[in-house]
Amino acid sequence: MRSILWYDWPYVFKHRRQLTCLDNILLLTRGRPFTLTHLLFAIRPTDHLYTGVYQPSDGGGKSIGQVYQSAKVSGAHINYLLQPEESDPQSLVPLLEGLVKQAGSWGAKQVIADLDSDSPFFVFFRKAGFSVLAKQQVYKCLAPEKSIVKGQNRWRMWNSGDIHAMRCLYHTLVPPLVQPVEPLTRRETLGLVYYDEKGDLGAYADLVYGPLGIWVLPVILPQAKEDIAGLLMEMIQAVPNHADRSIYVTARSYQPWVEHALLDLSAEPGPEQALLVRHIALQQRVKAEFSFAAIDNGNREPTVPYAPIKNHQD
C-alpha cells in the first residue's frame, strides 16, 4: 500500500459514487467525502490524516481508503473506503491492514469503523482482524420549531463540576470492553446534563456540531423516574444553537431503552450498523514493587493499561 498521489485522484472522482462512508459523525455533520464542508474538516493541523491506495500486482483495480485520528481521542477512525466493481474485493484486506499500520505509527490504540450490518465488506473486516464491539442505530430527529420555556427543561450545558457524576454514570452504563473505544466525551463542544428532583445525575449527552447536522450520544439511566421518551424530547429541545439543522441521536445496543424511546418519538431510523474495532495495542506484564492483595487478589504481576504496539520492541 502507498499514499495517494495526484494521478490517483481522477480515478477517485470517477468512482466516487461507489464510496462507502465508515464514520457516522463526519457523514451526518459534514456530509459525504469530497464535498466542501467535509474537505474543510481535513485541514485541521492538529489531526492525523492518511489516504492509502492498494493495487494488486496483476494490475487490477485500485482499492482506496482513508483513516484519521483526532488529537482529542486515543483511537483512529476509518473515514471511507473506495472499492470499484472492477476491483478484487480481497484487496480490502491488505488495504485495511495498511491503514491500521499507519494509525499505529501515530500511536493510536485502536482503529474504529461504522459499517452497515448487511454490508458485503463485513467479511473482509473480520479477515483484517476487526471485531464487533456493539451495534448502533442513528435516528434523525427534526429540530424543535420552538425552544422550550426557560425553567421547564432540566437539561442544561455541563460544566467542570459535573464531570465526576458523569464519569460515575459512564462507568455504570458503558461496558468495560467498550470504554477504551467510546470516550466519556469527544470534547468537541460542551454537552448536556440532566439531574432529577433529588439532585442525582440521570443522564448526559455528548454533542458534535457540523454545518449539516448535530450528532448526539445520550447516556441515560434506565431507572430514570422521568419517561425516557419525554426525557429525549426535552434533550432535543435543549440542544443549543441548532439553527434548523437536523439532530441525529445515536442509540447503542448496550442502551436498548434509548432505542425503544426513540421509536416512541417517531424518529426516522437509519440502517443498523456494527461498531467495528481493531485493537493495535498490547497488554504488558510488569513486576509490581508492592503487593496490593485487597485490589489484585494476591496477583503480584498485574496487567498494566494498554501500550501502543510501536513501543513494543519484539
C-alpha atoms as a PDB file:
ATOM      1  CA  MET A   1       0.000   0.000   0.000  1.00  0.00           C
ATOM      2  CA  ARG A   2       1.188   3.537  -0.723  1.00  0.00           C
ATOM      3  CA  SER A   3      -0.027   7.065  -0.131  1.00  0.00           C
ATOM      4  CA  ILE A   4      -2.454   8.529  -2.622  1.00  0.00           C
ATOM      5  CA  LEU A   5      -0.772  10.581  -5.375  1.00  0.00           C
ATOM      6  CA  TRP A   6      -2.009  13.290  -7.690  1.00  0.00           C
ATOM      7  CA  TYR A   7      -2.626  10.874 -10.559  1.00  0.00           C
ATOM      8  CA  ASP A   8      -4.931   8.748  -8.378  1.00  0.00           C
ATOM      9  CA  TRP A   9      -7.484  11.493  -7.862  1.00  0.00           C
ATOM     10  CA  PRO A  10      -9.125  11.236 -11.322  1.00  0.00           C
ATOM     11  CA  TYR A  11      -9.715   7.550 -10.537  1.00  0.00           C
ATOM     12  CA  VAL A  12     -11.240   8.509  -7.170  1.00  0.00           C
ATOM     13  CA  PHE A  13     -13.629  11.065  -8.636  1.00  0.00           C
ATOM     14  CA  LYS A  14     -14.634   8.725 -11.439  1.00  0.00           C
ATOM     15  CA  HIS A  15     -15.738   6.059  -8.953  1.00  0.00           C
ATOM     16  CA  ARG A  16     -16.775   8.283  -6.039  1.00  0.00           C
ATOM     17  CA  ARG A  17     -20.406   7.061  -6.214  1.00  0.00           C
ATOM     18  CA  GLN A  18     -19.165   3.628  -5.095  1.00  0.00           C
ATOM     19  CA  LEU A  19     -17.548   5.104  -1.997  1.00  0.00           C
ATOM     20  CA  THR A  20     -18.556   3.664   1.396  1.00  0.00           C
ATOM     21  CA  CYS A  21     -18.576   6.050   4.363  1.00  0.00           C
ATOM     22  CA  LEU A  22     -17.465   4.496   7.645  1.00  0.00           C
ATOM     23  CA  ASP A  23     -17.684   7.445  10.038  1.00  0.00           C
ATOM     24  CA  ASN A  24     -21.230   8.314  11.061  1.00  0.00           C
ATOM     25  CA  ILE A  25     -20.294  11.511  12.828  1.00  0.00           C
ATOM     26  CA  LEU A  26     -18.494  13.051   9.860  1.00  0.00           C
ATOM     27  CA  LEU A  27     -21.144  11.873   7.403  1.00  0.00           C
ATOM     28  CA  LEU A  28     -24.072  13.299   9.359  1.00  0.00           C
ATOM     29  CA  THR A  29     -22.465  16.561  10.443  1.00  0.00           C
ATOM     30  CA  ARG A  30     -20.313  17.386   7.393  1.00  0.00           C
ATOM     31  CA  GLY A  31     -21.659  15.334   4.507  1.00  0.00           C
ATOM     32  CA  ARG A  32     -20.017  12.841   2.198  1.00  0.00           C
ATOM     33  CA  PRO A  33     -16.288  12.945   1.417  1.00  0.00           C
ATOM     34  CA  PHE A  34     -15.180  15.332  -1.340  1.00  0.00           C
ATOM     35  CA  THR A  35     -17.902  17.850  -0.522  1.00  0.00           C
ATOM     36  CA  LEU A  36     -16.612  21.276   0.523  1.00  0.00           C
ATOM     37  CA  THR A  37     -17.846  21.014   4.118  1.00  0.00           C
ATOM     38  CA  HIS A  38     -16.127  17.649   4.509  1.00  0.00           C
ATOM     39  CA  LEU A  39     -12.857  18.721   2.872  1.00  0.00           C
ATOM     40  CA  LEU A  40     -12.576  21.731   5.186  1.00  0.00           C
ATOM     41  CA  PHE A  41     -12.569  19.310   8.122  1.00  0.00           C
ATOM     42  CA  ALA A  42      -9.459  17.607   6.718  1.00  0.00           C
ATOM     43  CA  ILE A  43      -7.209  20.658   7.019  1.00  0.00           C
ATOM     44  CA  ARG A  44      -7.072  20.798  10.831  1.00  0.00           C
ATOM     45  CA  PRO A  45      -3.322  20.880  11.572  1.00  0.00           C
ATOM     46  CA  THR A  46      -3.568  19.045  14.909  1.00  0.00           C
ATOM     47  CA  ASP A  47      -5.120  15.884  13.434  1.00  0.00           C
ATOM     48  CA  HIS A  48      -3.550  12.973  11.556  1.00  0.00           C
ATOM     49  CA  LEU A  49      -4.955  12.092   8.126  1.00  0.00           C
ATOM     50  CA  TYR A  50      -3.805   9.444   5.671  1.00  0.00           C
ATOM     51  CA  THR A  51      -5.250   8.212   2.369  1.00  0.00           C
ATOM     52  CA  GLY A  52      -3.868   4.894   1.164  1.00  0.00           C
ATOM     53  CA  VAL A  53      -4.007   3.109  -2.189  1.00  0.00           C
ATOM     54  CA  TYR A  54      -3.617  -0.623  -2.754  1.00  0.00           C
ATOM     55  CA  GLN A  55      -3.232  -2.033  -6.262  1.00  0.00           C
ATOM     56  CA  PRO A  56      -2.735  -5.780  -6.841  1.00  0.00           C
ATOM     57  CA  SER A  57       0.419  -6.918  -8.612  1.00  0.00           C
ATOM     58  CA  ASP A  58      -1.681  -8.207 -11.522  1.00  0.00           C
ATOM     59  CA  GLY A  59      -2.668  -4.619 -12.345  1.00  0.00           C
ATOM     60  CA  GLY A  60      -6.285  -4.891 -11.227  1.00  0.00           C
ATOM     61  CA  GLY A  61      -8.414  -2.015  -9.995  1.00  0.00           C
ATOM     62  CA  LYS A  62      -7.258   0.098  -7.073  1.00  0.00           C
ATOM     63  CA  SER A  63      -8.722  -0.007  -3.583  1.00  0.00           C
ATOM     64  CA  ILE A  64      -8.548   3.274  -1.676  1.00  0.00           C
ATOM     65  CA  GLY A  65      -9.213   4.114   1.954  1.00  0.00           C
ATOM     66  CA  GLN A  66      -8.717   6.982   4.383  1.00  0.00           C
ATOM     67  CA  VAL A  67      -8.002   6.877   8.116  1.00  0.00           C
ATOM     68  CA  TYR A  68      -7.700   9.798  10.517  1.00  0.00           C
ATOM     69  CA  GLN A  69      -7.059  10.453  14.184  1.00  0.00           C
ATOM     70  CA  SER A  70      -8.268  13.465  16.117  1.00  0.00           C
ATOM     71  CA  ALA A  71      -5.855  14.960  18.621  1.00  0.00           C
ATOM     72  CA  LYS A  72      -8.677  14.756  21.192  1.00  0.00           C
ATOM     73  CA  VAL A  73      -9.048  10.946  21.279  1.00  0.00           C
ATOM     74  CA  SER A  74      -6.727   7.940  21.548  1.00  0.00           C
ATOM     75  CA  GLY A  75      -8.226   5.959  18.671  1.00  0.00           C
ATOM     76  CA  ALA A  76      -8.258   6.388  14.902  1.00  0.00           C
ATOM     77  CA  HIS A  77     -11.304   6.093  12.645  1.00  0.00           C
ATOM     78  CA  ILE A  78     -11.627   4.892   9.055  1.00  0.00           C
ATOM     79  CA  ASN A  79     -13.346   7.662   7.125  1.00  0.00           C
ATOM     80  CA  TYR A  80     -14.186   5.867   3.881  1.00  0.00           C
ATOM     81  CA  LEU A  81     -13.357   3.011   1.527  1.00  0.00           C
ATOM     82  CA  LEU A  82     -13.499   3.128  -2.260  1.00  0.00           C
ATOM     83  CA  GLN A  83     -13.901  -0.309  -3.811  1.00  0.00           C
ATOM     84  CA  PRO A  84     -14.946  -0.099  -7.509  1.00  0.00           C
ATOM     85  CA  GLU A  85     -16.798  -3.047  -9.022  1.00  0.00           C
ATOM     86  CA  GLU A  86     -13.839  -3.980 -11.231  1.00  0.00           C
ATOM     87  CA  SER A  87     -11.557  -4.284  -8.188  1.00  0.00           C
ATOM     88  CA  ASP A  88     -10.952  -7.559  -6.389  1.00  0.00           C
ATOM     89  CA  PRO A  89     -12.784  -7.380  -3.024  1.00  0.00           C
ATOM     90  CA  GLN A  90      -9.935  -9.376  -1.468  1.00  0.00           C
ATOM     91  CA  SER A  91      -7.797  -6.243  -1.899  1.00  0.00           C
ATOM     92  CA  LEU A  92      -9.669  -4.720   1.033  1.00  0.00           C
ATOM     93  CA  VAL A  93      -7.792  -6.932   3.487  1.00  0.00           C
ATOM     94  CA  PRO A  94      -4.257  -5.632   2.714  1.00  0.00           C
ATOM     95  CA  LEU A  95      -5.691  -2.120   2.380  1.00  0.00           C
ATOM     96  CA  LEU A  96      -7.226  -2.291   5.860  1.00  0.00           C
ATOM     97  CA  GLU A  97      -4.013  -3.769   7.249  1.00  0.00           C
ATOM     98  CA  GLY A  98      -2.079  -0.849   5.774  1.00  0.00           C
ATOM     99  CA  LEU A  99      -4.478   1.717   7.259  1.00  0.00           C
ATOM    100  CA  VAL A 100      -4.184   0.044  10.675  1.00  0.00           C
ATOM    101  CA  LYS A 101      -0.389   0.079  10.443  1.00  0.00           C
ATOM    102  CA  GLN A 102      -0.439   3.788   9.600  1.00  0.00           C
ATOM    103  CA  ALA A 103      -2.698   4.522  12.565  1.00  0.00           C
ATOM    104  CA  GLY A 104      -0.339   2.536  14.796  1.00  0.00           C
ATOM    105  CA  SER A 105       2.547   4.766  13.734  1.00  0.00           C
ATOM    106  CA  TRP A 106       0.582   7.729  15.135  1.00  0.00           C
ATOM    107  CA  GLY A 107       0.280   5.974  18.492  1.00  0.00           C
ATOM    108  CA  ALA A 108      -3.419   5.157  18.114  1.00  0.00           C
ATOM    109  CA  LYS A 109      -4.616   2.397  20.428  1.00  0.00           C
ATOM    110  CA  GLN A 110      -7.418   1.171  18.173  1.00  0.00           C
ATOM    111  CA  VAL A 111      -9.000   1.714  14.769  1.00  0.00           C
ATOM    112  CA  ILE A 112     -12.787   2.055  14.539  1.00  0.00           C
ATOM    113  CA  ALA A 113     -15.279   1.808  11.678  1.00  0.00           C
ATOM    114  CA  ASP A 114     -19.090   2.129  11.441  1.00  0.00           C
ATOM    115  CA  LEU A 115     -20.291  -0.498   8.961  1.00  0.00           C
ATOM    116  CA  ASP A 116     -23.840  -1.390   7.950  1.00  0.00           C
ATOM    117  CA  SER A 117     -24.704  -4.808   9.351  1.00  0.00           C
ATOM    118  CA  ASP A 118     -25.640  -6.152   5.900  1.00  0.00           C
ATOM    119  CA  SER A 119     -22.553  -4.759   4.137  1.00  0.00           C
ATOM    120  CA  PRO A 120     -20.678  -7.199   1.839  1.00  0.00           C
ATOM    121  CA  PHE A 121     -17.440  -5.748   3.274  1.00  0.00           C
ATOM    122  CA  PHE A 122     -18.120  -7.243   6.694  1.00  0.00           C
ATOM    123  CA  VAL A 123     -16.254 -10.484   5.967  1.00  0.00           C
ATOM    124  CA  PHE A 124     -13.139  -8.601   4.854  1.00  0.00           C
ATOM    125  CA  PHE A 125     -13.075  -6.527   8.031  1.00  0.00           C
ATOM    126  CA  ARG A 126     -13.179  -9.762  10.010  1.00  0.00           C
ATOM    127  CA  LYS A 127     -10.272 -11.135   7.972  1.00  0.00           C
ATOM    128  CA  ALA A 128      -8.331  -7.942   8.745  1.00  0.00           C
ATOM    129  CA  GLY A 129      -8.732  -8.521  12.482  1.00  0.00           C
ATOM    130  CA  PHE A 130     -11.735  -6.287  13.227  1.00  0.00           C
ATOM    131  CA  SER A 131     -14.379  -7.431  15.698  1.00  0.00           C
ATOM    132  CA  VAL A 132     -17.877  -6.203  16.567  1.00  0.00           C
ATOM    133  CA  LEU A 133     -17.861  -4.086  19.701  1.00  0.00           C
ATOM    134  CA  ALA A 134     -21.522  -3.051  19.687  1.00  0.00           C
ATOM    135  CA  LYS A 135     -24.488  -2.446  17.404  1.00  0.00           C
ATOM    136  CA  GLN A 136     -25.916   1.005  16.855  1.00  0.00           C
ATOM    137  CA  GLN A 137     -28.702   2.829  15.071  1.00  0.00           C
ATOM    138  CA  VAL A 138     -28.906   6.537  14.365  1.00  0.00           C
ATOM    139  CA  TYR A 139     -32.282   8.307  14.443  1.00  0.00           C
ATOM    140  CA  LYS A 140     -32.951  11.565  12.640  1.00  0.00           C
ATOM    141  CA  CYS A 141     -34.961  13.968  14.769  1.00  0.00           C
ATOM    142  CA  LEU A 142     -36.271  17.244  13.439  1.00  0.00           C
ATOM    143  CA  ALA A 143     -35.038  20.344  15.192  1.00  0.00           C
ATOM    144  CA  PRO A 144     -37.740  21.754  17.508  1.00  0.00           C
ATOM    145  CA  GLU A 145     -39.824  24.522  16.000  1.00  0.00           C
ATOM    146  CA  LYS A 146     -39.852  26.437  19.267  1.00  0.00           C
ATOM    147  CA  SER A 147     -37.411  26.490  22.150  1.00  0.00           C
ATOM    148  CA  ILE A 148     -38.816  25.261  25.433  1.00  0.00           C
ATOM    149  CA  VAL A 149     -39.675  27.881  28.010  1.00  0.00           C
ATOM    150  CA  LYS A 150     -36.770  28.517  30.353  1.00  0.00           C
ATOM    151  CA  GLY A 151     -37.261  26.760  33.673  1.00  0.00           C
ATOM    152  CA  GLN A 152     -39.404  23.921  32.276  1.00  0.00           C
ATOM    153  CA  ASN A 153     -36.453  21.903  30.962  1.00  0.00           C
ATOM    154  CA  ARG A 154     -33.981  20.426  33.422  1.00  0.00           C
ATOM    155  CA  TRP A 155     -31.359  19.711  30.760  1.00  0.00           C
ATOM    156  CA  ARG A 156     -28.534  22.229  30.819  1.00  0.00           C
ATOM    157  CA  MET A 157     -24.990  22.536  29.484  1.00  0.00           C
ATOM    158  CA  TRP A 158     -22.457  20.740  31.619  1.00  0.00           C
ATOM    159  CA  ASN A 159     -19.541  22.346  33.446  1.00  0.00           C
ATOM    160  CA  SER A 160     -16.453  21.121  35.288  1.00  0.00           C
ATOM    161  CA  GLY A 161     -18.495  20.421  38.412  1.00  0.00           C
ATOM    162  CA  ASP A 162     -20.496  17.753  36.556  1.00  0.00           C
ATOM    163  CA  ILE A 163     -17.549  15.648  35.381  1.00  0.00           C
ATOM    164  CA  HIS A 164     -17.335  13.397  38.457  1.00  0.00           C
ATOM    165  CA  ALA A 165     -21.035  12.480  38.303  1.00  0.00           C
ATOM    166  CA  MET A 166     -20.792  11.992  34.527  1.00  0.00           C
ATOM    167  CA  ARG A 167     -17.836   9.668  34.954  1.00  0.00           C
ATOM    168  CA  CYS A 168     -19.733   7.576  37.520  1.00  0.00           C
ATOM    169  CA  LEU A 169     -22.708   7.276  35.165  1.00  0.00           C
ATOM    170  CA  TYR A 170     -20.379   6.439  32.271  1.00  0.00           C
ATOM    171  CA  HIS A 171     -18.694   3.612  34.189  1.00  0.00           C
ATOM    172  CA  THR A 172     -22.096   2.308  35.283  1.00  0.00           C
ATOM    173  CA  LEU A 173     -23.691   2.079  31.823  1.00  0.00           C
ATOM    174  CA  VAL A 174     -20.887   1.731  29.270  1.00  0.00           C
ATOM    175  CA  PRO A 175     -19.473  -1.840  29.246  1.00  0.00           C
ATOM    176  CA  PRO A 176     -15.777  -2.139  30.215  1.00  0.00           C
ATOM    177  CA  LEU A 177     -14.851  -3.545  26.785  1.00  0.00           C
ATOM    178  CA  VAL A 178     -16.428  -0.512  25.110  1.00  0.00           C
ATOM    179  CA  GLN A 179     -14.890   2.140  27.370  1.00  0.00           C
ATOM    180  CA  PRO A 180     -11.419   2.191  25.690  1.00  0.00           C
ATOM    181  CA  VAL A 181     -13.171   2.945  22.387  1.00  0.00           C
ATOM    182  CA  GLU A 182     -16.104   5.100  23.497  1.00  0.00           C
ATOM    183  CA  PRO A 183     -14.746   8.095  25.460  1.00  0.00           C
ATOM    184  CA  LEU A 184     -16.651   9.900  28.166  1.00  0.00           C
ATOM    185  CA  THR A 185     -16.857  12.838  25.752  1.00  0.00           C
ATOM    186  CA  ARG A 186     -15.299  13.647  22.400  1.00  0.00           C
ATOM    187  CA  ARG A 187     -14.550  17.159  23.692  1.00  0.00           C
ATOM    188  CA  GLU A 188     -15.901  18.788  20.556  1.00  0.00           C
ATOM    189  CA  THR A 189     -18.223  21.083  22.472  1.00  0.00           C
ATOM    190  CA  LEU A 190     -19.995  21.329  25.831  1.00  0.00           C
ATOM    191  CA  GLY A 191     -22.778  18.755  26.086  1.00  0.00           C
ATOM    192  CA  LEU A 192     -25.909  18.473  28.199  1.00  0.00           C
ATOM    193  CA  VAL A 193     -26.670  17.007  31.639  1.00  0.00           C
ATOM    194  CA  TYR A 194     -29.937  16.157  33.377  1.00  0.00           C
ATOM    195  CA  TYR A 195     -30.464  15.975  37.137  1.00  0.00           C
ATOM    196  CA  ASP A 196     -33.586  14.542  38.758  1.00  0.00           C
ATOM    197  CA  GLU A 197     -35.561  16.146  41.552  1.00  0.00           C
ATOM    198  CA  LYS A 198     -33.219  14.686  44.186  1.00  0.00           C
ATOM    199  CA  GLY A 199     -30.206  16.261  42.507  1.00  0.00           C
ATOM    200  CA  ASP A 200     -28.810  12.980  41.143  1.00  0.00           C
ATOM    201  CA  LEU A 201     -27.414  12.839  37.611  1.00  0.00           C
ATOM    202  CA  GLY A 202     -29.809  10.802  35.497  1.00  0.00           C
ATOM    203  CA  ALA A 203     -28.395  11.416  32.018  1.00  0.00           C
ATOM    204  CA  TYR A 204     -25.873  13.292  29.938  1.00  0.00           C
ATOM    205  CA  ALA A 205     -25.461  13.821  26.199  1.00  0.00           C
ATOM    206  CA  ASP A 206     -22.298  14.277  24.147  1.00  0.00           C
ATOM    207  CA  LEU A 207     -22.671  16.674  21.190  1.00  0.00           C
ATOM    208  CA  VAL A 208     -20.774  17.121  17.925  1.00  0.00           C
ATOM    209  CA  TYR A 209     -21.716  20.044  15.668  1.00  0.00           C
ATOM    210  CA  GLY A 210     -21.245  20.369  11.926  1.00  0.00           C
ATOM    211  CA  PRO A 211     -22.599  22.569   9.123  1.00  0.00           C
ATOM    212  CA  LEU A 212     -25.174  19.951   8.105  1.00  0.00           C
ATOM    213  CA  GLY A 213     -26.285  18.439  11.389  1.00  0.00           C
ATOM    214  CA  ILE A 214     -25.755  17.794  15.091  1.00  0.00           C
ATOM    215  CA  TRP A 215     -24.765  14.338  16.376  1.00  0.00           C
ATOM    216  CA  VAL A 216     -25.920  13.374  19.862  1.00  0.00           C
ATOM    217  CA  LEU A 217     -24.977  10.374  22.015  1.00  0.00           C
ATOM    218  CA  PRO A 218     -27.167  10.201  25.143  1.00  0.00           C
ATOM    219  CA  VAL A 219     -26.223   8.140  28.210  1.00  0.00           C
ATOM    220  CA  ILE A 220     -29.380   7.631  30.270  1.00  0.00           C
ATOM    221  CA  LEU A 221     -30.098   5.575  33.385  1.00  0.00           C
ATOM    222  CA  PRO A 222     -32.831   3.028  32.636  1.00  0.00           C
ATOM    223  CA  GLN A 223     -34.218   3.667  36.138  1.00  0.00           C
ATOM    224  CA  ALA A 224     -34.852   7.328  35.355  1.00  0.00           C
ATOM    225  CA  LYS A 225     -38.096   8.405  37.001  1.00  0.00           C
ATOM    226  CA  GLU A 226     -38.982  10.530  34.019  1.00  0.00           C
ATOM    227  CA  ASP A 227     -40.463   8.944  30.916  1.00  0.00           C
ATOM    228  CA  ILE A 228     -37.398   8.306  28.741  1.00  0.00           C
ATOM    229  CA  ALA A 229     -39.172   9.334  25.528  1.00  0.00           C
ATOM    230  CA  GLY A 230     -40.155  12.626  27.149  1.00  0.00           C
ATOM    231  CA  LEU A 231     -36.643  12.997  28.509  1.00  0.00           C
ATOM    232  CA  LEU A 232     -35.219  12.620  24.999  1.00  0.00           C
ATOM    233  CA  MET A 233     -37.695  15.135  23.623  1.00  0.00           C
ATOM    234  CA  GLU A 234     -36.592  17.657  26.247  1.00  0.00           C
ATOM    235  CA  MET A 235     -32.969  16.879  25.366  1.00  0.00           C
ATOM    236  CA  ILE A 236     -33.614  17.640  21.705  1.00  0.00           C
ATOM    237  CA  GLN A 237     -35.314  20.893  22.648  1.00  0.00           C
ATOM    238  CA  ALA A 238     -32.383  21.797  24.909  1.00  0.00           C
ATOM    239  CA  VAL A 239     -29.705  21.389  22.196  1.00  0.00           C
ATOM    240  CA  PRO A 240     -28.267  24.906  21.840  1.00  0.00           C
ATOM    241  CA  ASN A 241     -27.610  26.708  18.562  1.00  0.00           C
ATOM    242  CA  HIS A 242     -29.324  24.107  16.393  1.00  0.00           C
ATOM    243  CA  ALA A 243     -30.014  26.712  13.646  1.00  0.00           C
ATOM    244  CA  ASP A 244     -32.634  24.445  11.992  1.00  0.00           C
ATOM    245  CA  ARG A 245     -30.099  21.669  11.482  1.00  0.00           C
ATOM    246  CA  SER A 246     -31.193  18.047  11.767  1.00  0.00           C
ATOM    247  CA  ILE A 247     -30.379  16.367  15.068  1.00  0.00           C
ATOM    248  CA  TYR A 248     -29.119  12.776  14.912  1.00  0.00           C
ATOM    249  CA  VAL A 249     -29.456  10.749  18.100  1.00  0.00           C
ATOM    250  CA  THR A 250     -27.395   7.548  18.357  1.00  0.00           C
ATOM    251  CA  ALA A 251     -28.703   4.507  20.220  1.00  0.00           C
ATOM    252  CA  ARG A 252     -26.089   1.924  21.195  1.00  0.00           C
ATOM    253  CA  SER A 253     -27.044  -1.723  21.732  1.00  0.00           C
ATOM    254  CA  TYR A 254     -25.948  -1.545  25.372  1.00  0.00           C
ATOM    255  CA  GLN A 255     -28.730   1.027  25.958  1.00  0.00           C
ATOM    256  CA  PRO A 256     -31.796  -0.633  24.364  1.00  0.00           C
ATOM    257  CA  TRP A 257     -34.156   1.593  26.369  1.00  0.00           C
ATOM    258  CA  VAL A 258     -32.890   4.602  24.388  1.00  0.00           C
ATOM    259  CA  GLU A 259     -33.776   2.942  21.073  1.00  0.00           C
ATOM    260  CA  HIS A 260     -37.256   1.997  22.293  1.00  0.00           C
ATOM    261  CA  ALA A 261     -37.882   5.572  23.430  1.00  0.00           C
ATOM    262  CA  LEU A 262     -36.730   6.989  20.079  1.00  0.00           C
ATOM    263  CA  LEU A 263     -39.196   4.710  18.298  1.00  0.00           C
ATOM    264  CA  ASP A 264     -41.943   6.156  20.506  1.00  0.00           C
ATOM    265  CA  LEU A 265     -40.923   9.619  19.273  1.00  0.00           C
ATOM    266  CA  SER A 266     -41.450   8.526  15.638  1.00  0.00           C
ATOM    267  CA  ALA A 267     -37.864   9.482  14.819  1.00  0.00           C
ATOM    268  CA  GLU A 268     -36.573   8.378  11.414  1.00  0.00           C
ATOM    269  CA  PRO A 269     -34.232   5.385  11.881  1.00  0.00           C
ATOM    270  CA  GLY A 270     -31.102   4.841   9.836  1.00  0.00           C
ATOM    271  CA  PRO A 271     -29.645   1.427   8.952  1.00  0.00           C
ATOM    272  CA  GLU A 272     -28.460  -0.843  11.718  1.00  0.00           C
ATOM    273  CA  GLN A 273     -24.694  -0.683  11.979  1.00  0.00           C
ATOM    274  CA  ALA A 274     -21.900  -2.602  13.635  1.00  0.00           C
ATOM    275  CA  LEU A 275     -19.306  -0.634  15.556  1.00  0.00           C
ATOM    276  CA  LEU A 276     -16.117  -2.421  14.493  1.00  0.00           C
ATOM    277  CA  VAL A 277     -12.778  -2.135  16.263  1.00  0.00           C
ATOM    278  CA  ARG A 278      -9.257  -3.393  15.658  1.00  0.00           C
ATOM    279  CA  HIS A 279      -7.054  -3.051  18.732  1.00  0.00           C
ATOM    280  CA  ILE A 280      -3.460  -2.127  17.923  1.00  0.00           C
ATOM    281  CA  ALA A 281      -2.149  -2.272  21.454  1.00  0.00           C
ATOM    282  CA  LEU A 282      -0.560  -4.937  23.604  1.00  0.00           C
ATOM    283  CA  GLN A 283      -1.017  -5.790  27.259  1.00  0.00           C
ATOM    284  CA  GLN A 284       2.322  -5.758  29.025  1.00  0.00           C
ATOM    285  CA  ARG A 285       3.251  -7.559  32.243  1.00  0.00           C
ATOM    286  CA  VAL A 286       5.394  -5.706  34.748  1.00  0.00           C
ATOM    287  CA  LYS A 287       6.723  -6.709  38.138  1.00  0.00           C
ATOM    288  CA  ALA A 288       4.945  -4.954  40.975  1.00  0.00           C
ATOM    289  CA  GLU A 289       7.187  -3.367  43.583  1.00  0.00           C
ATOM    290  CA  PHE A 290       4.483  -3.845  46.229  1.00  0.00           C
ATOM    291  CA  SER A 291       1.570  -6.213  46.543  1.00  0.00           C
ATOM    292  CA  PHE A 292      -1.986  -4.976  46.782  1.00  0.00           C
ATOM    293  CA  ALA A 293      -3.802  -8.112  47.869  1.00  0.00           C
ATOM    294  CA  ALA A 294      -7.108  -6.359  48.505  1.00  0.00           C
ATOM    295  CA  ILE A 295      -7.128  -4.981  44.966  1.00  0.00           C
ATOM    296  CA  ASP A 296      -5.250  -7.558  42.908  1.00  0.00           C
ATOM    297  CA  ASN A 297      -6.430 -10.724  44.688  1.00  0.00           C
ATOM    298  CA  GLY A 298      -2.834 -11.542  45.543  1.00  0.00           C
ATOM    299  CA  ASN A 299      -1.617 -11.215  41.940  1.00  0.00           C
ATOM    300  CA  ARG A 300       1.893  -9.741  42.103  1.00  0.00           C
ATOM    301  CA  GLU A 301       2.178  -9.221  38.345  1.00  0.00           C
ATOM    302  CA  PRO A 302      -0.828  -7.078  37.458  1.00  0.00           C
ATOM    303  CA  THR A 303      -1.581  -6.179  33.869  1.00  0.00           C
ATOM    304  CA  VAL A 304      -0.918  -2.521  33.183  1.00  0.00           C
ATOM    305  CA  PRO A 305      -3.025  -0.458  30.741  1.00  0.00           C
ATOM    306  CA  TYR A 306      -2.651  -0.902  27.011  1.00  0.00           C
ATOM    307  CA  ALA A 307       0.526   0.374  25.341  1.00  0.00           C
ATOM    308  CA  PRO A 308       0.840   1.130  21.599  1.00  0.00           C
ATOM    309  CA  ILE A 309       2.423  -1.658  19.538  1.00  0.00           C
ATOM    310  CA  LYS A 310       5.066   0.741  18.213  1.00  0.00           C
ATOM    311  CA  ASN A 311       6.536   0.834  21.738  1.00  0.00           C
ATOM    312  CA  HIS A 312       6.930  -2.947  21.809  1.00  0.00           C
ATOM    313  CA  GLN A 313      10.460  -3.988  20.862  1.00  0.00           C
ATOM    314  CA  ASP A 314       9.846  -7.648  19.949  1.00  0.00           C
END
